[in-house]
Amino acid sequence: PYIDGHFPGLPVFPAVGIVDASLHFIRGIIRNPHAQILKLSGAKFLSPIAPGRTLRVHVIPLGGHNWDVLWSDVQTQKELAVLKIQLNAEQ
């Protein structure tokens, strides 16, 4: 649903979808469906993510409640997005 209507004729996965999916992946790792983002201390969206791309998402725990999430294209190995996320303390 993120892609529907987002730039008709040139669909891309919007930044809000990347952030939401990143949180979803972290929640799965920590097994807490209620964890929330306290702070997004960095977000670089380096290249549009179009439908049909095969993505690799690396979720890296930095200690405490801090995480890096790196999105890249599997075929080109090009970095697409980099996020620095801090979760709330109630994990």
N, C-alpha and C. Protein backbone atom coordinates (compact mmCIF):
# COMPACT_ATOMS: atom_id res chain seq x y z
N PRO A 1 0.81 -1.22 0.00
CA PRO A 1 0.00 0.00 0.00
C PRO A 1 0.85 1.28 0.00
N TYR A 2 2.12 1.21 0.47
CA TYR A 2 2.95 2.41 0.46
C TYR A 2 3.21 2.90 -0.96
N ILE A 3 3.33 1.96 -1.89
CA ILE A 3 3.69 2.33 -3.25
C ILE A 3 2.48 2.84 -4.02
N ASP A 4 1.28 2.33 -3.72
CA ASP A 4 0.07 2.75 -4.43
C ASP A 4 -0.10 4.27 -4.33
N GLY A 5 -0.13 4.91 -5.47
CA GLY A 5 -0.37 6.34 -5.51
C GLY A 5 0.83 7.20 -5.18
N HIS A 6 1.95 6.59 -4.82
CA HIS A 6 3.13 7.39 -4.52
C HIS A 6 3.90 7.61 -5.82
N PHE A 7 3.74 8.75 -6.38
CA PHE A 7 4.30 9.13 -7.67
C PHE A 7 3.73 8.26 -8.79
N PRO A 8 2.44 8.43 -9.11
CA PRO A 8 1.83 7.66 -10.20
C PRO A 8 2.68 7.74 -11.48
N GLY A 9 2.87 6.60 -12.10
CA GLY A 9 3.69 6.53 -13.30
C GLY A 9 5.16 6.28 -13.00
N LEU A 10 5.60 6.59 -11.81
CA LEU A 10 6.98 6.35 -11.38
C LEU A 10 6.96 5.93 -9.92
N PRO A 11 6.44 4.73 -9.64
CA PRO A 11 6.27 4.32 -8.24
C PRO A 11 7.60 4.09 -7.54
N VAL A 12 7.67 4.52 -6.30
CA VAL A 12 8.83 4.27 -5.44
C VAL A 12 8.33 3.94 -4.04
N PHE A 13 9.16 3.24 -3.29
CA PHE A 13 8.88 2.94 -1.89
C PHE A 13 9.24 4.19 -1.09
N PRO A 14 8.26 4.86 -0.47
CA PRO A 14 8.55 6.13 0.19
C PRO A 14 9.34 5.96 1.49
N ALA A 15 9.94 7.04 1.92
CA ALA A 15 10.76 7.04 3.13
C ALA A 15 9.99 6.54 4.34
N VAL A 16 8.72 6.93 4.48
CA VAL A 16 7.93 6.48 5.63
C VAL A 16 7.79 4.96 5.62
N GLY A 17 7.71 4.35 4.45
CA GLY A 17 7.64 2.89 4.35
C GLY A 17 8.95 2.23 4.76
N ILE A 18 10.06 2.85 4.40
CA ILE A 18 11.38 2.32 4.77
C ILE A 18 11.55 2.36 6.29
N VAL A 19 11.14 3.46 6.89
CA VAL A 19 11.24 3.59 8.35
C VAL A 19 10.32 2.56 9.02
N ASP A 20 9.09 2.45 8.55
CA ASP A 20 8.13 1.52 9.14
C ASP A 20 8.60 0.07 8.99
N ALA A 21 9.09 -0.29 7.82
CA ALA A 21 9.60 -1.65 7.61
C ALA A 21 10.82 -1.92 8.49
N SER A 22 11.68 -0.93 8.65
CA SER A 22 12.85 -1.09 9.52
C SER A 22 12.42 -1.39 10.95
N LEU A 23 11.42 -0.65 11.44
CA LEU A 23 10.90 -0.90 12.78
C LEU A 23 10.31 -2.31 12.86
N HIS A 24 9.60 -2.72 11.83
CA HIS A 24 9.02 -4.07 11.79
C HIS A 24 10.12 -5.14 11.93
N PHE A 25 11.23 -4.97 11.20
CA PHE A 25 12.33 -5.94 11.27
C PHE A 25 12.95 -5.97 12.67
N ILE A 26 13.16 -4.80 13.26
CA ILE A 26 13.74 -4.74 14.61
C ILE A 26 12.80 -5.39 15.62
N ARG A 27 11.51 -5.10 15.51
CA ARG A 27 10.53 -5.73 16.41
C ARG A 27 10.61 -7.25 16.33
N GLY A 28 10.80 -7.78 15.13
CA GLY A 28 10.92 -9.23 14.97
C GLY A 28 12.16 -9.77 15.65
N ILE A 29 13.25 -9.05 15.56
CA ILE A 29 14.51 -9.49 16.17
C ILE A 29 14.40 -9.49 17.70
N ILE A 30 13.83 -8.44 18.25
CA ILE A 30 13.74 -8.35 19.71
C ILE A 30 12.47 -9.02 20.25
N ARG A 31 11.65 -9.49 19.35
CA ARG A 31 10.39 -10.18 19.70
C ARG A 31 9.50 -9.31 20.58
N ASN A 32 9.35 -8.07 20.15
CA ASN A 32 8.46 -7.15 20.86
C ASN A 32 7.67 -6.36 19.83
N PRO A 33 6.42 -6.75 19.59
CA PRO A 33 5.62 -6.06 18.58
C PRO A 33 5.18 -4.66 18.98
N HIS A 34 5.47 -4.26 20.22
CA HIS A 34 5.03 -2.96 20.70
C HIS A 34 6.15 -1.93 20.79
N ALA A 35 7.37 -2.32 20.51
CA ALA A 35 8.49 -1.36 20.57
C ALA A 35 8.22 -0.20 19.60
N GLN A 36 8.60 0.98 20.01
CA GLN A 36 8.38 2.18 19.21
C GLN A 36 9.69 2.93 19.01
N ILE A 37 9.74 3.72 17.97
CA ILE A 37 10.92 4.55 17.72
C ILE A 37 10.86 5.76 18.66
N LEU A 38 11.91 5.93 19.43
CA LEU A 38 12.05 7.09 20.29
C LEU A 38 12.69 8.23 19.50
N LYS A 39 13.70 7.85 18.69
CA LYS A 39 14.44 8.88 17.96
C LYS A 39 14.99 8.28 16.67
N LEU A 40 14.84 9.00 15.60
CA LEU A 40 15.47 8.66 14.33
C LEU A 40 16.61 9.67 14.18
N SER A 41 17.81 9.26 14.61
CA SER A 41 18.92 10.21 14.70
C SER A 41 19.63 10.40 13.37
N GLY A 42 19.33 9.55 12.42
CA GLY A 42 19.92 9.72 11.10
C GLY A 42 19.13 8.92 10.08
N ALA A 43 18.92 9.53 8.94
CA ALA A 43 18.23 8.83 7.85
C ALA A 43 18.74 9.39 6.53
N LYS A 44 19.38 8.53 5.76
CA LYS A 44 19.87 8.92 4.44
C LYS A 44 19.17 8.03 3.42
N PHE A 45 18.47 8.65 2.50
CA PHE A 45 17.79 7.93 1.43
C PHE A 45 18.57 8.24 0.16
N LEU A 46 19.41 7.30 -0.23
CA LEU A 46 20.43 7.55 -1.24
C LEU A 46 19.98 7.30 -2.67
N SER A 47 18.98 6.44 -2.83
CA SER A 47 18.50 6.11 -4.17
C SER A 47 17.07 5.60 -4.05
N PRO A 48 16.21 5.95 -5.00
CA PRO A 48 14.82 5.47 -4.93
C PRO A 48 14.74 3.95 -4.98
N ILE A 49 13.78 3.41 -4.26
CA ILE A 49 13.54 1.97 -4.29
C ILE A 49 12.28 1.74 -5.11
N ALA A 50 12.47 1.19 -6.29
CA ALA A 50 11.36 0.94 -7.22
C ALA A 50 10.84 -0.48 -7.04
N PRO A 51 9.57 -0.72 -7.38
CA PRO A 51 9.04 -2.08 -7.33
C PRO A 51 9.88 -3.02 -8.19
N GLY A 52 10.00 -4.25 -7.74
CA GLY A 52 10.73 -5.26 -8.50
C GLY A 52 12.18 -5.41 -8.10
N ARG A 53 12.71 -4.48 -7.33
CA ARG A 53 14.09 -4.61 -6.86
C ARG A 53 14.16 -5.66 -5.78
N THR A 54 15.27 -6.40 -5.76
CA THR A 54 15.52 -7.34 -4.68
C THR A 54 16.42 -6.65 -3.67
N LEU A 55 15.96 -6.59 -2.44
CA LEU A 55 16.65 -5.81 -1.41
C LEU A 55 17.30 -6.70 -0.36
N ARG A 56 18.35 -6.19 0.21
CA ARG A 56 18.97 -6.80 1.39
C ARG A 56 18.88 -5.74 2.49
N VAL A 57 18.39 -6.16 3.64
CA VAL A 57 18.26 -5.25 4.76
C VAL A 57 19.08 -5.81 5.91
N HIS A 58 20.10 -5.08 6.30
CA HIS A 58 20.94 -5.46 7.44
C HIS A 58 20.47 -4.67 8.65
N VAL A 59 20.12 -5.38 9.71
CA VAL A 59 19.72 -4.74 10.96
C VAL A 59 20.83 -5.02 11.96
N ILE A 60 21.46 -3.95 12.42
CA ILE A 60 22.66 -4.07 13.24
C ILE A 60 22.41 -3.49 14.63
N PRO A 61 22.47 -4.33 15.67
CA PRO A 61 22.32 -3.81 17.03
C PRO A 61 23.60 -3.08 17.44
N LEU A 62 23.44 -1.90 18.00
CA LEU A 62 24.59 -1.10 18.42
C LEU A 62 24.75 -1.08 19.93
N GLY A 63 23.90 -1.78 20.62
CA GLY A 63 23.94 -1.76 22.08
C GLY A 63 22.86 -0.85 22.62
N GLY A 64 22.41 -1.17 23.80
CA GLY A 64 21.31 -0.40 24.37
C GLY A 64 20.08 -0.56 23.50
N HIS A 65 19.49 0.53 23.14
CA HIS A 65 18.29 0.53 22.32
C HIS A 65 18.56 1.12 20.94
N ASN A 66 19.82 1.10 20.52
CA ASN A 66 20.23 1.74 19.28
C ASN A 66 20.50 0.71 18.18
N TRP A 67 20.08 1.06 16.98
CA TRP A 67 20.17 0.16 15.82
C TRP A 67 20.55 0.94 14.57
N ASP A 68 21.32 0.30 13.72
CA ASP A 68 21.53 0.77 12.35
C ASP A 68 20.76 -0.17 11.44
N VAL A 69 20.14 0.38 10.42
CA VAL A 69 19.44 -0.43 9.42
C VAL A 69 19.94 0.03 8.06
N LEU A 70 20.55 -0.91 7.32
CA LEU A 70 21.15 -0.60 6.04
C LEU A 70 20.38 -1.33 4.95
N TRP A 71 19.89 -0.58 3.98
CA TRP A 71 19.15 -1.13 2.85
C TRP A 71 20.04 -1.07 1.62
N SER A 72 20.12 -2.19 0.89
CA SER A 72 20.92 -2.19 -0.35
C SER A 72 20.23 -3.04 -1.42
N ASP A 73 20.64 -2.81 -2.66
CA ASP A 73 20.15 -3.57 -3.80
C ASP A 73 21.02 -4.81 -3.96
N VAL A 74 20.40 -5.98 -4.01
CA VAL A 74 21.14 -7.23 -4.09
C VAL A 74 21.95 -7.31 -5.38
N GLN A 75 21.37 -6.92 -6.50
CA GLN A 75 22.06 -7.05 -7.79
C GLN A 75 23.24 -6.09 -7.91
N THR A 76 23.03 -4.83 -7.59
CA THR A 76 24.08 -3.84 -7.79
C THR A 76 24.94 -3.65 -6.53
N GLN A 77 24.46 -4.13 -5.39
CA GLN A 77 25.08 -3.95 -4.08
C GLN A 77 25.18 -2.47 -3.70
N LYS A 78 24.40 -1.65 -4.37
CA LYS A 78 24.37 -0.22 -4.09
C LYS A 78 23.56 0.04 -2.83
N GLU A 79 24.09 0.88 -1.95
CA GLU A 79 23.39 1.26 -0.73
C GLU A 79 22.23 2.18 -1.09
N LEU A 80 21.06 1.89 -0.57
CA LEU A 80 19.86 2.65 -0.90
C LEU A 80 19.38 3.55 0.23
N ALA A 81 19.52 3.07 1.46
CA ALA A 81 19.08 3.85 2.62
C ALA A 81 19.87 3.39 3.85
N VAL A 82 20.11 4.35 4.74
CA VAL A 82 20.80 4.08 5.99
C VAL A 82 20.04 4.80 7.09
N LEU A 83 19.64 4.03 8.11
CA LEU A 83 18.88 4.62 9.22
C LEU A 83 19.58 4.36 10.54
N LYS A 84 19.50 5.32 11.44
CA LYS A 84 19.98 5.17 12.82
C LYS A 84 18.76 5.35 13.70
N ILE A 85 18.39 4.26 14.38
CA ILE A 85 17.13 4.25 15.14
C ILE A 85 17.40 3.98 16.61
N GLN A 86 16.74 4.76 17.46
CA GLN A 86 16.76 4.49 18.90
C GLN A 86 15.34 4.14 19.30
N LEU A 87 15.18 2.99 19.97
CA LEU A 87 13.87 2.55 20.43
C LEU A 87 13.58 3.09 21.83
N ASN A 88 12.30 3.04 22.18
CA ASN A 88 11.93 3.41 23.54
C ASN A 88 12.50 2.40 24.53
N ALA A 89 12.59 2.76 25.77
CA ALA A 89 13.23 1.91 26.78
C ALA A 89 12.38 0.71 27.15
N GLU A 90 11.06 0.77 26.93
CA GLU A 90 10.19 -0.35 27.31
C GLU A 90 10.16 -1.39 26.23
N GLN A 91 11.24 -2.14 26.10
CA GLN A 91 11.31 -3.21 25.13
C GLN A 91 10.90 -4.46 25.81
